[in-house]
Structures are given as C-alpha cells and as structure tokens.
All heavy atoms as atom14 arrays in JSON, in Angstrom:
{
  "sequence": "VLRSGKTGWEKENSHIIEYSLKLDSNPEFT",
  "atom14_mask": [
    [1, 1, 1, 1, 1, 1, 1, 0, 0, 0, 0, 0, 0, 0],
    [1, 1, 1, 1, 1, 1, 1, 1, 0, 0, 0, 0, 0, 0],
    [1, 1, 1, 1, 1, 1, 1, 1, 1, 1, 1, 0, 0, 0],
    [1, 1, 1, 1, 1, 1, 0, 0, 0, 0, 0, 0, 0, 0],
    [1, 1, 1, 1, 0, 0, 0, 0, 0, 0, 0, 0, 0, 0],
    [1, 1, 1, 1, 1, 1, 1, 1, 1, 0, 0, 0, 0, 0],
    [1, 1, 1, 1, 1, 1, 1, 0, 0, 0, 0, 0, 0, 0],
    [1, 1, 1, 1, 0, 0, 0, 0, 0, 0, 0, 0, 0, 0],
    [1, 1, 1, 1, 1, 1, 1, 1, 1, 1, 1, 1, 1, 1],
    [1, 1, 1, 1, 1, 1, 1, 1, 1, 0, 0, 0, 0, 0],
    [1, 1, 1, 1, 1, 1, 1, 1, 1, 0, 0, 0, 0, 0],
    [1, 1, 1, 1, 1, 1, 1, 1, 1, 0, 0, 0, 0, 0],
    [1, 1, 1, 1, 1, 1, 1, 1, 0, 0, 0, 0, 0, 0],
    [1, 1, 1, 1, 1, 1, 0, 0, 0, 0, 0, 0, 0, 0],
    [1, 1, 1, 1, 1, 1, 1, 1, 1, 1, 0, 0, 0, 0],
    [1, 1, 1, 1, 1, 1, 1, 1, 0, 0, 0, 0, 0, 0],
    [1, 1, 1, 1, 1, 1, 1, 1, 0, 0, 0, 0, 0, 0],
    [1, 1, 1, 1, 1, 1, 1, 1, 1, 0, 0, 0, 0, 0],
    [1, 1, 1, 1, 1, 1, 1, 1, 1, 1, 1, 1, 0, 0],
    [1, 1, 1, 1, 1, 1, 0, 0, 0, 0, 0, 0, 0, 0],
    [1, 1, 1, 1, 1, 1, 1, 1, 0, 0, 0, 0, 0, 0],
    [1, 1, 1, 1, 1, 1, 1, 1, 1, 0, 0, 0, 0, 0],
    [1, 1, 1, 1, 1, 1, 1, 1, 0, 0, 0, 0, 0, 0],
    [1, 1, 1, 1, 1, 1, 1, 1, 0, 0, 0, 0, 0, 0],
    [1, 1, 1, 1, 1, 1, 0, 0, 0, 0, 0, 0, 0, 0],
    [1, 1, 1, 1, 1, 1, 1, 1, 0, 0, 0, 0, 0, 0],
    [1, 1, 1, 1, 1, 1, 1, 0, 0, 0, 0, 0, 0, 0],
    [1, 1, 1, 1, 1, 1, 1, 1, 1, 0, 0, 0, 0, 0],
    [1, 1, 1, 1, 1, 1, 1, 1, 1, 1, 1, 0, 0, 0],
    [1, 1, 1, 1, 1, 1, 1, 0, 0, 0, 0, 0, 0, 0]
  ],
  "atom14_positions": [
    [[-31.96, 156.87, 36.57], [-30.42, 156.96, 36.39], [-30.12, 157.17, 34.98], [-30.62, 156.47, 34.1], [-29.82, 155.65, 36.9], [-28.29, 155.66, 36.56], [-29.91, 155.51, 38.4], [0.0, 0.0, 0.0], [0.0, 0.0, 0.0], [0.0, 0.0, 0.0], [0.0, 0.0, 0.0], [0.0, 0.0, 0.0], [0.0, 0.0, 0.0], [0.0, 0.0, 0.0]],
    [[-29.37, 158.23, 34.65], [-28.96, 158.52, 33.32], [-27.5, 158.73, 33.19], [-26.83, 159.25, 34.11], [-29.71, 159.79, 32.8], [-31.18, 159.84, 32.89], [-31.68, 160.62, 34.13], [-31.83, 160.55, 31.64], [0.0, 0.0, 0.0], [0.0, 0.0, 0.0], [0.0, 0.0, 0.0], [0.0, 0.0, 0.0], [0.0, 0.0, 0.0], [0.0, 0.0, 0.0]],
    [[-26.96, 158.41, 32.06], [-25.53, 158.79, 31.68], [-25.59, 159.31, 30.25], [-26.07, 158.66, 29.39], [-24.54, 157.64, 31.8], [-23.11, 158.11, 31.57], [-22.13, 157.07, 32.09], [-20.76, 157.47, 31.81], [-20.01, 158.24, 32.57], [-20.5, 158.86, 33.72], [-18.75, 158.59, 32.28], [0.0, 0.0, 0.0], [0.0, 0.0, 0.0], [0.0, 0.0, 0.0]],
    [[-25.02, 160.45, 30.15], [-24.92, 161.17, 28.84], [-23.42, 161.04, 28.42], [-22.55, 161.48, 29.16], [-25.29, 162.55, 28.98], [-25.1, 163.29, 27.77], [0.0, 0.0, 0.0], [0.0, 0.0, 0.0], [0.0, 0.0, 0.0], [0.0, 0.0, 0.0], [0.0, 0.0, 0.0], [0.0, 0.0, 0.0], [0.0, 0.0, 0.0], [0.0, 0.0, 0.0]],
    [[-23.17, 160.43, 27.26], [-21.78, 160.13, 26.86], [-21.51, 160.38, 25.4], [-22.43, 160.44, 24.58], [0.0, 0.0, 0.0], [0.0, 0.0, 0.0], [0.0, 0.0, 0.0], [0.0, 0.0, 0.0], [0.0, 0.0, 0.0], [0.0, 0.0, 0.0], [0.0, 0.0, 0.0], [0.0, 0.0, 0.0], [0.0, 0.0, 0.0], [0.0, 0.0, 0.0]],
    [[-20.27, 160.34, 25.07], [-19.79, 160.61, 23.7], [-18.96, 159.38, 23.21], [-18.18, 158.8, 24.0], [-18.87, 161.76, 23.67], [-19.59, 163.12, 24.09], [-20.44, 163.68, 22.94], [-20.96, 165.09, 23.31], [-21.79, 165.65, 22.24], [0.0, 0.0, 0.0], [0.0, 0.0, 0.0], [0.0, 0.0, 0.0], [0.0, 0.0, 0.0], [0.0, 0.0, 0.0]],
    [[-19.06, 159.04, 21.93], [-18.18, 158.08, 21.27], [-17.71, 158.65, 20.01], [-18.2, 159.71, 19.44], [-18.9, 156.76, 21.01], [-19.97, 157.02, 20.14], [-19.42, 156.17, 22.31], [0.0, 0.0, 0.0], [0.0, 0.0, 0.0], [0.0, 0.0, 0.0], [0.0, 0.0, 0.0], [0.0, 0.0, 0.0], [0.0, 0.0, 0.0], [0.0, 0.0, 0.0]],
    [[-16.74, 157.92, 19.3], [-16.19, 158.37, 18.11], [-14.86, 158.95, 18.28], [-14.43, 159.42, 19.35], [0.0, 0.0, 0.0], [0.0, 0.0, 0.0], [0.0, 0.0, 0.0], [0.0, 0.0, 0.0], [0.0, 0.0, 0.0], [0.0, 0.0, 0.0], [0.0, 0.0, 0.0], [0.0, 0.0, 0.0], [0.0, 0.0, 0.0], [0.0, 0.0, 0.0]],
    [[-14.04, 159.05, 17.17], [-12.67, 159.46, 17.22], [-12.56, 160.91, 17.79], [-11.66, 161.3, 18.53], [-11.96, 159.34, 15.87], [-10.46, 159.52, 15.92], [-9.79, 160.57, 15.54], [-9.57, 158.59, 16.45], [-8.46, 160.34, 15.69], [-8.25, 159.14, 16.33], [-9.68, 157.27, 16.98], [-7.09, 158.43, 16.7], [-8.52, 156.7, 17.42], [-7.3, 157.22, 17.27]],
    [[-13.48, 161.73, 17.28], [-13.57, 163.11, 17.73], [-14.71, 163.38, 18.69], [-15.15, 164.48, 18.79], [-13.68, 164.04, 16.48], [-12.6, 163.93, 15.49], [-11.22, 164.45, 16.01], [-11.28, 165.24, 17.02], [-10.17, 164.02, 15.48], [0.0, 0.0, 0.0], [0.0, 0.0, 0.0], [0.0, 0.0, 0.0], [0.0, 0.0, 0.0], [0.0, 0.0, 0.0]],
    [[-15.22, 162.29, 19.28], [-16.36, 162.38, 20.17], [-17.56, 163.01, 19.53], [-18.28, 163.9, 20.08], [-16.06, 163.16, 21.51], [-14.76, 162.51, 22.2], [-14.47, 163.37, 23.4], [-13.16, 162.82, 24.07], [-12.73, 163.69, 25.19], [0.0, 0.0, 0.0], [0.0, 0.0, 0.0], [0.0, 0.0, 0.0], [0.0, 0.0, 0.0], [0.0, 0.0, 0.0]],
    [[-17.79, 162.64, 18.24], [-18.86, 163.32, 17.49], [-20.22, 162.83, 17.66], [-21.18, 163.4, 17.24], [-18.42, 163.31, 15.99], [-18.45, 161.84, 15.35], [-17.03, 161.19, 15.46], [-16.27, 161.56, 16.38], [-16.82, 160.34, 14.64], [0.0, 0.0, 0.0], [0.0, 0.0, 0.0], [0.0, 0.0, 0.0], [0.0, 0.0, 0.0], [0.0, 0.0, 0.0]],
    [[-20.37, 161.65, 18.33], [-21.72, 161.02, 18.48], [-22.1, 161.02, 19.99], [-21.26, 160.66, 20.88], [-21.69, 159.65, 17.93], [-21.55, 159.62, 16.42], [-22.24, 160.36, 15.72], [-20.57, 158.86, 15.89], [0.0, 0.0, 0.0], [0.0, 0.0, 0.0], [0.0, 0.0, 0.0], [0.0, 0.0, 0.0], [0.0, 0.0, 0.0], [0.0, 0.0, 0.0]],
    [[-23.35, 161.36, 20.23], [-23.85, 161.38, 21.56], [-24.78, 160.27, 21.89], [-25.5, 159.85, 21.02], [-24.56, 162.71, 21.81], [-23.7, 163.88, 21.67], [0.0, 0.0, 0.0], [0.0, 0.0, 0.0], [0.0, 0.0, 0.0], [0.0, 0.0, 0.0], [0.0, 0.0, 0.0], [0.0, 0.0, 0.0], [0.0, 0.0, 0.0], [0.0, 0.0, 0.0]],
    [[-24.79, 159.88, 23.16], [-25.68, 158.75, 23.64], [-26.24, 159.03, 24.95], [-25.58, 159.62, 25.81], [-24.87, 157.37, 23.7], [-24.06, 157.1, 22.4], [-24.58, 156.56, 21.34], [-22.76, 157.46, 22.14], [-23.69, 156.42, 20.39], [-22.52, 157.02, 20.81], [0.0, 0.0, 0.0], [0.0, 0.0, 0.0], [0.0, 0.0, 0.0], [0.0, 0.0, 0.0]],
    [[-27.45, 158.57, 25.16], [-28.09, 158.67, 26.51], [-28.5, 157.25, 26.96], [-29.17, 156.49, 26.18], [-29.3, 159.55, 26.5], [-29.02, 160.94, 25.96], [-30.02, 159.64, 27.86], [-28.21, 161.78, 26.93], [0.0, 0.0, 0.0], [0.0, 0.0, 0.0], [0.0, 0.0, 0.0], [0.0, 0.0, 0.0], [0.0, 0.0, 0.0], [0.0, 0.0, 0.0]],
    [[-28.05, 156.88, 28.12], [-28.57, 155.65, 28.74], [-29.47, 156.09, 29.89], [-29.09, 156.91, 30.7], [-27.36, 154.82, 29.33], [-26.41, 154.36, 28.24], [-27.88, 153.62, 30.07], [-25.12, 153.7, 28.78], [0.0, 0.0, 0.0], [0.0, 0.0, 0.0], [0.0, 0.0, 0.0], [0.0, 0.0, 0.0], [0.0, 0.0, 0.0], [0.0, 0.0, 0.0]],
    [[-30.66, 155.52, 29.92], [-31.64, 155.85, 30.95], [-32.24, 154.61, 31.49], [-32.71, 153.74, 30.78], [-32.73, 156.79, 30.42], [-33.74, 157.18, 31.51], [-34.74, 158.27, 31.05], [-34.5, 158.84, 30.02], [-35.76, 158.4, 31.75], [0.0, 0.0, 0.0], [0.0, 0.0, 0.0], [0.0, 0.0, 0.0], [0.0, 0.0, 0.0], [0.0, 0.0, 0.0]],
    [[-32.35, 154.54, 32.86], [-33.03, 153.45, 33.53], [-33.9, 154.1, 34.51], [-33.55, 155.05, 35.23], [-31.99, 152.62, 34.29], [-32.48, 151.48, 35.13], [-32.93, 150.3, 34.54], [-32.6, 151.59, 36.53], [-33.38, 149.26, 35.29], [-33.08, 150.53, 37.27], [-33.5, 149.36, 36.69], [-34.02, 148.37, 37.44], [0.0, 0.0, 0.0], [0.0, 0.0, 0.0]],
    [[-35.18, 153.61, 34.63], [-36.13, 154.26, 35.51], [-36.95, 153.19, 36.22], [-37.11, 152.06, 35.81], [-37.14, 155.18, 34.72], [-37.9, 154.43, 33.91], [0.0, 0.0, 0.0], [0.0, 0.0, 0.0], [0.0, 0.0, 0.0], [0.0, 0.0, 0.0], [0.0, 0.0, 0.0], [0.0, 0.0, 0.0], [0.0, 0.0, 0.0], [0.0, 0.0, 0.0]],
    [[-37.47, 153.62, 37.39], [-38.36, 152.81, 38.24], [-39.51, 153.65, 38.71], [-39.36, 154.84, 38.99], [-37.57, 152.25, 39.5], [-36.47, 151.27, 39.24], [-35.75, 151.01, 40.61], [-36.99, 149.98, 38.77], [0.0, 0.0, 0.0], [0.0, 0.0, 0.0], [0.0, 0.0, 0.0], [0.0, 0.0, 0.0], [0.0, 0.0, 0.0], [0.0, 0.0, 0.0]],
    [[-40.66, 152.99, 38.71], [-41.88, 153.68, 39.29], [-42.55, 152.63, 40.25], [-43.03, 151.65, 39.72], [-42.82, 154.07, 38.13], [-44.03, 154.86, 38.64], [-44.89, 155.33, 37.5], [-46.14, 156.15, 38.04], [-47.08, 156.52, 36.94], [0.0, 0.0, 0.0], [0.0, 0.0, 0.0], [0.0, 0.0, 0.0], [0.0, 0.0, 0.0], [0.0, 0.0, 0.0]],
    [[-42.54, 152.95, 41.49], [-42.85, 151.87, 42.44], [-44.06, 152.3, 43.32], [-44.1, 153.35, 43.89], [-41.64, 151.65, 43.44], [-40.3, 151.55, 42.74], [-39.21, 151.5, 43.82], [-40.26, 150.34, 41.8], [0.0, 0.0, 0.0], [0.0, 0.0, 0.0], [0.0, 0.0, 0.0], [0.0, 0.0, 0.0], [0.0, 0.0, 0.0], [0.0, 0.0, 0.0]],
    [[-45.07, 151.44, 43.37], [-46.21, 151.64, 44.23], [-45.78, 151.54, 45.72], [-46.31, 152.18, 46.63], [-47.32, 150.67, 43.97], [-48.28, 151.12, 42.87], [-48.09, 152.27, 42.41], [-49.17, 150.35, 42.51], [0.0, 0.0, 0.0], [0.0, 0.0, 0.0], [0.0, 0.0, 0.0], [0.0, 0.0, 0.0], [0.0, 0.0, 0.0], [0.0, 0.0, 0.0]],
    [[-44.86, 150.64, 46.01], [-44.44, 150.38, 47.31], [-42.93, 150.24, 47.4], [-42.34, 149.19, 47.01], [-45.08, 149.14, 47.88], [-44.48, 148.79, 49.18], [0.0, 0.0, 0.0], [0.0, 0.0, 0.0], [0.0, 0.0, 0.0], [0.0, 0.0, 0.0], [0.0, 0.0, 0.0], [0.0, 0.0, 0.0], [0.0, 0.0, 0.0], [0.0, 0.0, 0.0]],
    [[-42.24, 151.22, 47.89], [-40.77, 151.21, 48.08], [-40.33, 149.97, 48.84], [-39.5, 149.25, 48.38], [-40.4, 152.51, 48.74], [-38.89, 152.63, 48.99], [-38.09, 151.71, 48.77], [-38.45, 153.78, 49.53], [0.0, 0.0, 0.0], [0.0, 0.0, 0.0], [0.0, 0.0, 0.0], [0.0, 0.0, 0.0], [0.0, 0.0, 0.0], [0.0, 0.0, 0.0]],
    [[-40.87, 149.72, 50.05], [-40.39, 148.58, 50.83], [-40.62, 147.2, 50.18], [-39.83, 146.33, 50.25], [-41.06, 148.69, 52.17], [-42.16, 149.59, 51.99], [-41.84, 150.52, 50.87], [0.0, 0.0, 0.0], [0.0, 0.0, 0.0], [0.0, 0.0, 0.0], [0.0, 0.0, 0.0], [0.0, 0.0, 0.0], [0.0, 0.0, 0.0], [0.0, 0.0, 0.0]],
    [[-41.79, 147.1, 49.51], [-42.13, 145.82, 48.89], [-41.17, 145.56, 47.69], [-40.73, 144.43, 47.44], [-43.56, 145.71, 48.45], [-44.51, 145.59, 49.62], [-45.94, 145.32, 49.2], [-46.2, 145.22, 48.0], [-46.83, 145.37, 50.1], [0.0, 0.0, 0.0], [0.0, 0.0, 0.0], [0.0, 0.0, 0.0], [0.0, 0.0, 0.0], [0.0, 0.0, 0.0]],
    [[-40.81, 146.57, 46.89], [-39.91, 146.43, 45.74], [-38.51, 146.1, 46.3], [-37.87, 145.25, 45.81], [-39.91, 147.69, 44.89], [-39.08, 147.52, 43.72], [-39.55, 146.87, 42.56], [-37.8, 147.97, 43.67], [-38.75, 146.67, 41.39], [-36.92, 147.77, 42.58], [-37.45, 147.17, 41.4], [0.0, 0.0, 0.0], [0.0, 0.0, 0.0], [0.0, 0.0, 0.0]],
    [[-38.08, 146.88, 47.26], [-36.77, 146.62, 47.92], [-36.69, 145.22, 48.46], [-35.67, 144.51, 48.24], [-36.53, 147.66, 49.03], [-36.58, 148.96, 48.53], [-35.21, 147.39, 49.75], [0.0, 0.0, 0.0], [0.0, 0.0, 0.0], [0.0, 0.0, 0.0], [0.0, 0.0, 0.0], [0.0, 0.0, 0.0], [0.0, 0.0, 0.0], [0.0, 0.0, 0.0]]
  ]
}
C-alpha cells in the first residue's frame, strides 16, 4: 500500500508512504 503526497505552501515537497506484507500463508496471517 503506497500513498504519494505533497506538502508545503506551494506543494514543493514530495513524500511516499509505503507499507508491505510478504506472507508464507495467507490464511494463517489473516
């Protein structure tokens, strides 16, 4: 899951938020 966003008065700065999962077993993690 990622979000690419801007901050600053003129939106001059960029940021990336990233969250990731790598699962051996989908049902066991769920």
